[in-house]
Amino acid sequence: MEVANETVIKKPKRLTSVVWNHFERVRKADLCYAVCVHCNKKLSGSSNSGTTHLRNHLMRCLKRFNYDVSQLLSAKKRKKDNTLTIANLSYDEGQRKEEYLKPTIVKYEPEQRKDEVFNVQSSWFDQERSRLDLARMIILHGYPLAMVEHVGFKVFVKNLQPLFDVMPNSTVELSCMEIYGKERQKVHDMLSKLQGRINLAVEMWSSPENTNHVCMMAHYVGDDWKLQKKILNFVTLDSSHTDDLLSGVIIKCLMDWDIGSKLFAVTLDDFSTNDDIVLRIKEQISENKSRLSNGQLLDVRSAAHVLNSIVQDAMEALRLVIQKIRGTVRYVKSSQSIQGKFKEMVLQTGINSQKNLVLDCPIQWNSTYLMLETAIEYRNAFCQLPELDLDLALSDEEWEWASSITGYLKLFIEIINVFSSNKCPTANIYFPEICHVHIQLIDWCKSPDNFLSSLAAKMKAKFDKYWSKCSLSLAVAAILDPRFKMKLVEYYYSQIYGSTALERIKEVSDGLKELFNTYSICSTLMDQGSALPLSSLPSSSNDGRDRLKGFDKFLHETSQSQTAISDLEKYLDEPVFPRNCNFNILNWWRVHTPRYPILSMMARDVLGTPMSTVSQESAFHAGGRVLDSCRCPLTPETRQALICTQDWLRMQSDDPGPSSSHYALPLYVETN
């Protein structure tokens, strides 16, 4: 056989590799080539070149996409120097080893076609599935959409799977929107079937571009009695947004998701937000005939946010002292010689602390606390430092202020850590912590120091505004903890209110009964809807003109009402459950649902109320939640789709399946 003046070599010896079943060995002048019988591509055929490059070519040769290549895979020898990097790889593995591809001159071979299937040891390549997997990966991990345009990513993908057609940025965005639409429908269907009610948390975000955003998240206890939360909307607000606009955004969210009739509570992150927002939402719910007959809606403000706000008051009052301490610490750490002198002062003054001086990050107030706490321990050493700028020296009174306020900060850090680090933050955990803050504020107001007492009074005034709005919700949630019931309210209110404690306790008891009665009415109406028709109720007479049919209805309703009232009374009259650290309150109510059928409905909704909306990573951040820079340039629709879908996919990946150890993250969802 001749190929364009190229003579086929008569093989002097048997070519043992299986790759030669797919190549013809030809010679042109002094060069020897291997010609692929499928695509006629010429590669080096010299005996010194080996067969690895031929086998690599066959693995990607599109003309053989439906061939079995298991023999090639099993025959391939893996060597340590075969590791692929950007510095030593190319898209055509058939190139000689001494030829390298530079990232700046990457060229693609338009060999591959879309939607082709490649069988490698029973693994099928599917362009459509890989497209969705890539989009889901970008969503799940928060990668920038532009990563598909990066040279390194293209090189990696092309060598990992040459058949994959890398998509442009715009196509990836469309794929993400497609996934968002499908996942949103799943969440919508799930919420519509939810038996319990939904709580809406509203949190404000900012961005480096000074735009404001509102994140709305649904919190609820699922039918499996597990606490759940899902981001519903992430809306970019107009720069001149008002409370009217914010309430309109929230109402639109409720309408779009069709959950207005299921809404139980709204939690706002700013305790000073205008009350008219919640009133407008209540009016909208009443128009849509909420399940609760009187349109009741709990108005809750985030506990962690009010504590952060109180802390900022304390930090501002101590601002000059903090600046002096920060400057002193910076001076000590400025050189080795000064640190040596400082250590001498520590030894001379008999300080036994082993802590290192630290500088704070001003926007993270817990770091400022650590700086103050450490500096106070070295107070005497600071006072003995020679050559210290007089402007940085603190008076004894200022040191006392710093010591007292550092104690305040320690309490707030401990409590916020309880809120933000709890993996199942049911509403019952907040009451004792907030009551402890209340008691401490009362005590701090009694300080003989005018500076500290006036600061405490300012902090307490802000706290009282929060307490007046949320104390009933906090107390009801605590009562529904079987380890405490009314006893915990009685314990704390006696310390907070003193002689007027009984009146305050009665207010809580009345509020609890009012809410329970509402659930009782709902339960009665639902029972009537599912019960037998009134004509099927037993009758003492065969007379068609039974004058006591109305009595039968009356008896049914009053019996249901009496049962409902006894449900709450029975719970409160029974002894409290023993306290233990492994107590799961949601599991307790799940188990006791048959005993307290109506009260358990109420407990599920109350315990699912988010009493705080702060996340662990932003718990001590002075500026609140900030949008990351890679999402700022996106359109509002794309930004919302990525943030919401990321939250939904993370919830899926966190749920261990029956065989989760054998499967990767669910990066692909069937299109049908």
Foldseek 3Di string as FASTA:
>chain_A
DDDPNKAFDDDPDDDPDPLLVQWTWTDDDPFIWTAGNQPRDTFGPDPVQDCPLSLVCVLPQPSPQPPASQSSVVPDDDDPVPDDDQFQDALRSRDGRVDGDHLVPHDADPRADAQDWGQYPNDIDGQVQVLLLVLLVCLQVVPFLQPLVDSRVVVVVCVVPVNHDRDHSVVSLVSLVVLLVVLLVVVLVQLVPFPAFWEKEWEWAAAPVGWIKIWIKIWFQGPVLATDMFTQWIFTDDNPDDLVVVLVVVLVSCVVSVRLLRYAEYEYADLPPDPVSVVVSLVVSVVVCHLQNVSDYAYFYAPLSLLLVLLVLLCVLLVLLLVLLLVLLCVCPVDPVSVVLLVVLCVVVVQPDPDDADHADVQQVVRSLVNLVVCLSSVRSSVPRPPDPPSSDDDPVSSVSSVVSSVVVVLSVVLLCVQAVDPRQFLQVNQVSLLVVLLVLVVQLPDPDPSRNVSSVVSNVSSVSNCVRCVLLSQLLNLLQLQQNLNVLLVSLCSNPPPCSVVVSVVSVVVNVVVLLSLLVSVLVVCCVPDDDLVPPDDPDPDPVDPCSVVVVVVSSVVSSVVSVVLVVVSRPDHGDHDDPPDDSSVVLVVCCVVRVSVSSVNRGSRRHNNHDDHPVCSRGSPGHYDDPSLVVDDSVSSGSSVSSNRSQVVQQPDQDPPNVVDDRCSGDDPD
